[in-house]
Structure formats: C-alpha cells, structure tokens
C-alpha atoms as a PDB file:
ATOM      1  CA  UNK A   1    -186.537  -1.681 251.048  1.00  0.00           C
ATOM      2  CA  UNK A   2    -188.365  -2.513 247.913  1.00  0.00           C
ATOM      3  CA  UNK A   3    -190.319   0.581 246.903  1.00  0.00           C
ATOM      4  CA  UNK A   4    -190.224   4.355 247.181  1.00  0.00           C
ATOM      5  CA  UNK A   5    -192.749   4.398 250.011  1.00  0.00           C
ATOM      6  CA  UNK A   6    -190.253   2.514 252.135  1.00  0.00           C
ATOM      7  CA  UNK A   7    -187.364   4.995 251.602  1.00  0.00           C
ATOM      8  CA  UNK A   8    -185.517   5.776 254.808  1.00  0.00           C
ATOM      9  CA  UNK A   9    -185.876   9.493 255.397  1.00  0.00           C
ATOM     10  CA  UNK A  10    -184.841  11.369 258.547  1.00  0.00           C
ATOM     11  CA  UNK A  11    -185.724  14.891 257.506  1.00  0.00           C
ATOM     12  CA  UNK A  12    -188.226  16.402 259.826  1.00  0.00           C
ATOM     13  CA  UNK A  13    -188.485  13.224 261.997  1.00  0.00           C
ATOM     14  CA  UNK A  14    -189.215  13.841 265.700  1.00  0.00           C
ATOM     15  CA  UNK A  15    -187.091  10.995 267.122  1.00  0.00           C
ATOM     16  CA  UNK A  16    -188.456  11.564 270.641  1.00  0.00           C
ATOM     17  CA  UNK A  17    -191.946  11.005 269.271  1.00  0.00           C
ATOM     18  CA  UNK A  18    -190.805   8.046 267.140  1.00  0.00           C
ATOM     19  CA  UNK A  19    -188.955   6.327 269.958  1.00  0.00           C
ATOM     20  CA  UNK A  20    -191.973   4.425 271.355  1.00  0.00           C
ATOM     21  CA  UNK A  21    -192.545   2.612 268.074  1.00  0.00           C
ATOM     22  CA  UNK A  22    -188.927   2.471 266.860  1.00  0.00           C
ATOM     23  CA  UNK A  23    -188.395  -1.104 267.892  1.00  0.00           C
ATOM     24  CA  UNK A  24    -191.339  -2.396 265.878  1.00  0.00           C
ATOM     25  CA  UNK A  25    -189.178  -2.528 262.753  1.00  0.00           C
ATOM     26  CA  UNK A  26    -187.537  -6.006 262.655  1.00  0.00           C
ATOM     27  CA  UNK A  27    -183.962  -4.726 262.258  1.00  0.00           C
ATOM     28  CA  UNK A  28    -184.481  -2.006 264.957  1.00  0.00           C
ATOM     29  CA  UNK A  29    -185.917  -3.955 267.905  1.00  0.00           C
ATOM     30  CA  UNK A  30    -184.424  -7.327 266.896  1.00  0.00           C
ATOM     31  CA  UNK A  31    -187.400  -9.002 268.568  1.00  0.00           C
ATOM     32  CA  UNK A  32    -187.542 -11.852 266.075  1.00  0.00           C
ATOM     33  CA  UNK A  33    -185.049 -14.493 267.237  1.00  0.00           C
ATOM     34  CA  UNK A  34    -183.844 -15.127 263.711  1.00  0.00           C
ATOM     35  CA  UNK A  35    -183.181 -11.414 263.043  1.00  0.00           C
ATOM     36  CA  UNK A  36    -181.530 -11.085 266.428  1.00  0.00           C
ATOM     37  CA  UNK A  37    -179.246 -14.024 265.826  1.00  0.00           C
ATOM     38  CA  UNK A  38    -178.295 -12.755 262.461  1.00  0.00           C
ATOM     39  CA  UNK A  39    -177.202  -9.398 263.827  1.00  0.00           C
ATOM     40  CA  UNK A  40    -175.403 -11.024 266.737  1.00  0.00           C
ATOM     41  CA  UNK A  41    -173.424 -13.245 264.385  1.00  0.00           C
ATOM     42  CA  UNK A  42    -172.433 -10.330 262.163  1.00  0.00           C
ATOM     43  CA  UNK A  43    -171.517  -8.136 265.111  1.00  0.00           C
ATOM     44  CA  UNK A  44    -169.369 -10.900 266.554  1.00  0.00           C
ATOM     45  CA  UNK A  45    -167.432 -10.992 263.309  1.00  0.00           C
ATOM     46  CA  UNK A  46    -166.997  -7.133 263.214  1.00  0.00           C
ATOM     47  CA  UNK A  47    -165.984  -6.588 266.823  1.00  0.00           C
ATOM     48  CA  UNK A  48    -162.754  -7.703 268.537  1.00  0.00           C
ATOM     49  CA  UNK A  49    -162.775 -11.166 270.112  1.00  0.00           C
ATOM     50  CA  UNK A  50    -161.540  -9.705 273.411  1.00  0.00           C
ATOM     51  CA  UNK A  51    -163.628  -7.484 275.661  1.00  0.00           C
ATOM     52  CA  UNK A  52    -163.356  -4.012 274.219  1.00  0.00           C
ATOM     53  CA  UNK A  53    -164.746  -0.445 274.617  1.00  0.00           C
ATOM     54  CA  UNK A  54    -167.396   0.095 271.911  1.00  0.00           C
ATOM     55  CA  UNK A  55    -168.750   3.570 271.128  1.00  0.00           C
ATOM     56  CA  UNK A  56    -172.259   3.103 269.510  1.00  0.00           C
ATOM     57  CA  UNK A  57    -173.095   6.420 267.801  1.00  0.00           C
ATOM     58  CA  UNK A  58    -176.722   7.078 266.869  1.00  0.00           C
ATOM     59  CA  UNK A  59    -177.541   4.156 269.166  1.00  0.00           C
ATOM     60  CA  UNK A  60    -181.308   4.598 269.015  1.00  0.00           C
ATOM     61  CA  UNK A  61    -182.905   2.336 271.564  1.00  0.00           C
ATOM     62  CA  UNK A  62    -179.724   0.358 272.102  1.00  0.00           C
ATOM     63  CA  UNK A  63    -180.448  -2.901 270.263  1.00  0.00           C
ATOM     64  CA  UNK A  64    -176.907  -3.239 268.838  1.00  0.00           C
ATOM     65  CA  UNK A  65    -175.441  -1.980 272.195  1.00  0.00           C
ATOM     66  CA  UNK A  66    -177.259  -4.842 273.893  1.00  0.00           C
ATOM     67  CA  UNK A  67    -175.818  -7.360 271.590  1.00  0.00           C
ATOM     68  CA  UNK A  68    -172.349  -5.982 272.078  1.00  0.00           C
ATOM     69  CA  UNK A  69    -172.737  -5.998 275.848  1.00  0.00           C
ATOM     70  CA  UNK A  70    -173.987  -9.594 275.729  1.00  0.00           C
ATOM     71  CA  UNK A  71    -170.736 -10.435 273.847  1.00  0.00           C
ATOM     72  CA  UNK A  72    -168.706  -9.044 276.768  1.00  0.00           C
ATOM     73  CA  UNK A  73    -167.911  -5.525 275.484  1.00  0.00           C
ATOM     74  CA  UNK A  74    -168.175  -2.260 277.477  1.00  0.00           C
ATOM     75  CA  UNK A  75    -170.601   0.020 275.633  1.00  0.00           C
ATOM     76  CA  UNK A  76    -171.007   3.764 275.516  1.00  0.00           C
ATOM     77  CA  UNK A  77    -174.032   4.820 273.430  1.00  0.00           C
ATOM     78  CA  UNK A  78    -174.835   8.304 272.095  1.00  0.00           C
ATOM     79  CA  UNK A  79    -178.006   9.558 270.564  1.00  0.00           C
ATOM     80  CA  UNK A  80    -179.464  13.009 270.153  1.00  0.00           C
ATOM     81  CA  UNK A  81    -182.941  11.883 271.293  1.00  0.00           C
ATOM     82  CA  UNK A  82    -183.481  11.785 275.056  1.00  0.00           C
ATOM     83  CA  UNK A  83    -186.374   9.392 274.587  1.00  0.00           C
ATOM     84  CA  UNK A  84    -184.222   6.985 272.652  1.00  0.00           C
ATOM     85  CA  UNK A  85    -181.456   7.208 275.254  1.00  0.00           C
ATOM     86  CA  UNK A  86    -184.038   6.551 278.049  1.00  0.00           C
ATOM     87  CA  UNK A  87    -185.155   3.363 276.268  1.00  0.00           C
ATOM     88  CA  UNK A  88    -181.586   2.273 275.735  1.00  0.00           C
ATOM     89  CA  UNK A  89    -180.788   2.744 279.374  1.00  0.00           C
ATOM     90  CA  UNK A  90    -183.826   0.673 280.316  1.00  0.00           C
ATOM     91  CA  UNK A  91    -182.926  -2.050 277.827  1.00  0.00           C
ATOM     92  CA  UNK A  92    -179.328  -2.359 279.161  1.00  0.00           C
ATOM     93  CA  UNK A  93    -180.101  -1.776 282.839  1.00  0.00           C
ATOM     94  CA  UNK A  94    -177.523  -3.655 284.981  1.00  0.00           C
ATOM     95  CA  UNK A  95    -174.992  -4.109 282.067  1.00  0.00           C
ATOM     96  CA  UNK A  96    -171.621  -2.459 281.550  1.00  0.00           C
ATOM     97  CA  UNK A  97    -173.136   0.365 279.453  1.00  0.00           C
ATOM     98  CA  UNK A  98    -173.470   4.113 279.626  1.00  0.00           C
ATOM     99  CA  UNK A  99    -175.798   6.170 277.422  1.00  0.00           C
ATOM    100  CA  UNK A 100    -175.404   9.910 276.649  1.00  0.00           C
ATOM    101  CA  UNK A 101    -177.620  12.445 274.881  1.00  0.00           C
ATOM    102  CA  UNK A 102    -175.530  14.120 272.236  1.00  0.00           C
ATOM    103  CA  UNK A 103    -174.620  14.507 268.564  1.00  0.00           C
ATOM    104  CA  UNK A 104    -173.211  11.484 266.819  1.00  0.00           C
ATOM    105  CA  UNK A 105    -171.000  13.764 264.707  1.00  0.00           C
ATOM    106  CA  UNK A 106    -169.312  15.175 267.845  1.00  0.00           C
ATOM    107  CA  UNK A 107    -170.146  12.822 270.749  1.00  0.00           C
ATOM    108  CA  UNK A 108    -169.774  14.191 274.306  1.00  0.00           C
ATOM    109  CA  UNK A 109    -167.154  11.623 275.360  1.00  0.00           C
ATOM    110  CA  UNK A 110    -164.323  14.079 276.206  1.00  0.00           C
ATOM    111  CA  UNK A 111    -160.852  12.668 275.774  1.00  0.00           C
ATOM    112  CA  UNK A 112    -161.853   9.100 276.166  1.00  0.00           C
ATOM    113  CA  UNK A 113    -160.715   6.747 273.369  1.00  0.00           C
ATOM    114  CA  UNK A 114    -162.409   3.543 272.243  1.00  0.00           C
ATOM    115  CA  UNK A 115    -161.484   0.265 270.592  1.00  0.00           C
ATOM    116  CA  UNK A 116    -164.483   0.415 268.194  1.00  0.00           C
ATOM    117  CA  UNK A 117    -166.687   3.203 266.766  1.00  0.00           C
ATOM    118  CA  UNK A 118    -169.923   1.444 265.726  1.00  0.00           C
ATOM    119  CA  UNK A 119    -172.376   3.388 263.520  1.00  0.00           C
ATOM    120  CA  UNK A 120    -175.452   2.085 261.777  1.00  0.00           C
ATOM    121  CA  UNK A 121    -177.450   4.170 259.250  1.00  0.00           C
ATOM    122  CA  UNK A 122    -176.261   7.503 260.602  1.00  0.00           C
ATOM    123  CA  UNK A 123    -173.293   8.716 258.546  1.00  0.00           C
ATOM    124  CA  UNK A 124    -175.333   9.391 255.415  1.00  0.00           C
ATOM    125  CA  UNK A 125    -177.555  11.817 257.344  1.00  0.00           C
ATOM    126  CA  UNK A 126    -174.665  14.007 258.559  1.00  0.00           C
ATOM    127  CA  UNK A 127    -173.276  17.007 256.716  1.00  0.00           C
ATOM    128  CA  UNK A 128    -169.603  16.782 255.688  1.00  0.00           C
ATOM    129  CA  UNK A 129    -169.072  13.021 256.167  1.00  0.00           C
ATOM    130  CA  UNK A 130    -165.431  13.371 255.380  1.00  0.00           C
ATOM    131  CA  UNK A 131    -164.919  15.667 258.381  1.00  0.00           C
ATOM    132  CA  UNK A 132    -167.019  13.393 260.585  1.00  0.00           C
ATOM    133  CA  UNK A 133    -165.010  10.302 259.701  1.00  0.00           C
ATOM    134  CA  UNK A 134    -161.783  12.110 260.571  1.00  0.00           C
ATOM    135  CA  UNK A 135    -163.276  13.038 263.956  1.00  0.00           C
ATOM    136  CA  UNK A 136    -164.415   9.492 264.582  1.00  0.00           C
ATOM    137  CA  UNK A 137    -160.936   8.241 263.706  1.00  0.00           C
ATOM    138  CA  UNK A 138    -159.634  10.483 266.509  1.00  0.00           C
ATOM    139  CA  UNK A 139    -161.971   8.735 268.976  1.00  0.00           C
ATOM    140  CA  UNK A 140    -160.149   5.411 268.478  1.00  0.00           C
ATOM    141  CA  UNK A 141    -157.198   3.956 270.373  1.00  0.00           C
ATOM    142  CA  UNK A 142    -154.290   2.698 268.285  1.00  0.00           C
ATOM    143  CA  UNK A 143    -155.378  -0.485 266.530  1.00  0.00           C
ATOM    144  CA  UNK A 144    -159.086   0.468 266.846  1.00  0.00           C
ATOM    145  CA  UNK A 145    -161.612   0.103 264.188  1.00  0.00           C
ATOM    146  CA  UNK A 146    -164.621   1.827 262.587  1.00  0.00           C
ATOM    147  CA  UNK A 147    -167.659  -0.402 261.880  1.00  0.00           C
ATOM    148  CA  UNK A 148    -169.975   1.517 259.552  1.00  0.00           C
ATOM    149  CA  UNK A 149    -173.280  -0.057 258.482  1.00  0.00           C
ATOM    150  CA  UNK A 150    -174.698   2.029 255.604  1.00  0.00           C
ATOM    151  CA  UNK A 151    -176.579   1.841 252.374  1.00  0.00           C
ATOM    152  CA  UNK A 152    -178.580   3.519 249.625  1.00  0.00           C
ATOM    153  CA  UNK A 153    -182.386   3.410 249.931  1.00  0.00           C
ATOM    154  CA  UNK A 154    -184.993   3.955 247.238  1.00  0.00           C
ATOM    155  CA  UNK A 155    -184.982   3.987 243.467  1.00  0.00           C
ATOM    156  CA  UNK A 156    -186.739   7.121 242.276  1.00  0.00           C
ATOM    157  CA  UNK A 157    -184.957   9.495 244.581  1.00  0.00           C
ATOM    158  CA  UNK A 158    -182.332   7.355 246.373  1.00  0.00           C
ATOM    159  CA  UNK A 159    -180.835   8.499 249.620  1.00  0.00           C
ATOM    160  CA  UNK A 160    -177.838   7.193 251.478  1.00  0.00           C
ATOM    161  CA  UNK A 161    -174.149   6.794 250.742  1.00  0.00           C
ATOM    162  CA  UNK A 162    -172.878   4.299 248.140  1.00  0.00           C
ATOM    163  CA  UNK A 163    -170.129   1.988 249.215  1.00  0.00           C
ATOM    164  CA  UNK A 164    -167.656   3.375 246.698  1.00  0.00           C
ATOM    165  CA  UNK A 165    -168.100   6.871 248.102  1.00  0.00           C
ATOM    166  CA  UNK A 166    -167.629   5.691 251.659  1.00  0.00           C
ATOM    167  CA  UNK A 167    -164.515   3.703 250.919  1.00  0.00           C
ATOM    168  CA  UNK A 168    -162.982   6.645 248.985  1.00  0.00           C
ATOM    169  CA  UNK A 169    -163.608   8.913 252.027  1.00  0.00           C
ATOM    170  CA  UNK A 170    -161.901   6.399 254.264  1.00  0.00           C
ATOM    171  CA  UNK A 171    -159.001   5.687 251.926  1.00  0.00           C
ATOM    172  CA  UNK A 172    -156.710   8.586 252.977  1.00  0.00           C
ATOM    173  CA  UNK A 173    -156.425   7.306 256.555  1.00  0.00           C
ATOM    174  CA  UNK A 174    -157.673   3.687 256.588  1.00  0.00           C
ATOM    175  CA  UNK A 175    -154.830   1.117 256.678  1.00  0.00           C
ATOM    176  CA  UNK A 176    -157.206  -1.772 256.069  1.00  0.00           C
ATOM    177  CA  UNK A 177    -160.773  -1.891 254.698  1.00  0.00           C
ATOM    178  CA  UNK A 178    -163.214  -4.779 254.615  1.00  0.00           C
ATOM    179  CA  UNK A 179    -166.504  -4.514 252.807  1.00  0.00           C
ATOM    180  CA  UNK A 180    -169.377  -6.980 253.304  1.00  0.00           C
ATOM    181  CA  UNK A 181    -172.495  -6.770 251.256  1.00  0.00           C
ATOM    182  CA  UNK A 182    -175.622  -7.254 253.409  1.00  0.00           C
ATOM    183  CA  UNK A 183    -178.604  -6.811 250.995  1.00  0.00           C
ATOM    184  CA  UNK A 184    -179.026 -10.546 250.312  1.00  0.00           C
ATOM    185  CA  UNK A 185    -179.165 -11.456 254.026  1.00  0.00           C
ATOM    186  CA  UNK A 186    -182.885 -11.382 254.545  1.00  0.00           C
ATOM    187  CA  UNK A 187    -182.461 -12.611 258.143  1.00  0.00           C
ATOM    188  CA  UNK A 188    -180.840  -9.219 258.992  1.00  0.00           C
ATOM    189  CA  UNK A 189    -183.862  -7.227 257.740  1.00  0.00           C
ATOM    190  CA  UNK A 190    -186.709  -9.594 258.425  1.00  0.00           C
ATOM    191  CA  UNK A 191    -187.638  -9.529 254.705  1.00  0.00           C
ATOM    192  CA  UNK A 192    -186.238  -9.340 251.278  1.00  0.00           C
ATOM    193  CA  UNK A 193    -184.734  -6.018 250.249  1.00  0.00           C
ATOM    194  CA  UNK A 194    -183.836  -4.685 246.889  1.00  0.00           C
ATOM    195  CA  UNK A 195    -181.479  -1.796 247.643  1.00  0.00           C
ATOM    196  CA  UNK A 196    -177.764  -1.458 248.608  1.00  0.00           C
ATOM    197  CA  UNK A 197    -176.879  -2.385 252.147  1.00  0.00           C
ATOM    198  CA  UNK A 198    -173.368  -3.060 253.431  1.00  0.00           C
ATOM    199  CA  UNK A 199    -170.833  -2.754 256.214  1.00  0.00           C
ATOM    200  CA  UNK A 200    -167.298  -1.267 256.038  1.00  0.00           C
ATOM    201  CA  UNK A 201    -164.853  -2.320 258.783  1.00  0.00           C
ATOM    202  CA  UNK A 202    -161.917   0.100 258.678  1.00  0.00           C
ATOM    203  CA  UNK A 203    -158.758   0.066 260.672  1.00  0.00           C
ATOM    204  CA  UNK A 204    -157.001   3.371 260.460  1.00  0.00           C
ATOM    205  CA  UNK A 205    -153.265   3.646 259.837  1.00  0.00           C
END
C-alpha cells in the first residue's frame, strides 16, 4: 500500500457486509492468474510437501484455503464472519475442507491438532499476540509449523506488526524461524507496494 488512504484498518469493519466485495482486491480473490500463481508458488514452499492438515485462521472467503486444497492438503478454515464462511464453503464445495464460524484467536476446533496453522493479516489485529501465538502453537502436532503472513501498513499512522517484533514473540518457543520479505513481489499484490510485508515460517521446539 502506497499511501495513507490505503492503510489496512479493521476497526469498525462489518465483515459480513464487506464479504460480497472482499474478493475484488487482487490479493484477496486471487482472480488474476498471475497473482493466483504467485500465491500458489509461495504457499507450496511454505506448506509440507506431503498431504497435511492445514488450519487457516481468519480464512475470509477461502482463497488461500482453496490453493492449499488444490495442492492436496486437508483444510479447516475459521472466520468470525458467517458471510465470509458461507462464501468459503461455496468456493471449496466438493473439496476436503471444513469451514467454521469462530474466533481466530481461539478457534472452535476442540482437541484436534494440525500440521500447519496458516494465518494471513490477522495476528496484528488481535489483543495480546504473545498469548495468541502460544495458543496457536498448542494447535500443532509435533513437527508442525506456523505460517504467518503479516506486515506494517501506512506511513503517517502505521498499523501492523513489524517482523522484528513477531520474531521476538516467537523466539521463546520456535526451534526454527524462516523470514521471507514479500514487499517487492508485485505479483503477490497485483501492484507495487511501499510498505513492509513478509512471512514467518516457524517450527516450534
């Protein structure tokens, strides 16, 4: 995002109302083949090569869930918006995927464990991210991984979570951390961006 008017802000957003137009953003709907292929390639490198159980938290309309399912993974998506969940269910109809209405910070998945917890542009919106990360760690099977796509948006009043802060929050329990900068990959966003965007792939101890 290149100017303050583009700052990602979730405060006061009615996500049920926003759901119908959500996929119009290039990196939300992944309708542009170039953008879609860019995300598919990145996701392939972040997720295990073998078929795995992926928990997509704050899944929105399920665009990343669909890519994961197409790559052979079993997906559980969680979003607090029933309208988003309805669109995700429609988008992945007939695939090995389940979508639940619930809080990404405390997903309603019971005692089930997953190989991957995938979260894009959600952690920074949640209170007490350190506690949330510890909870997400507990949702993983041994050898599982967290895939966290985050960033800092805006210049005048920036919002988000800087990569140094996120890696420091993960450090107490992450055995291995990989950081990839994503800002310069215009194919991911459908345009040039001037802010901080990245992914952290963390394998807990």
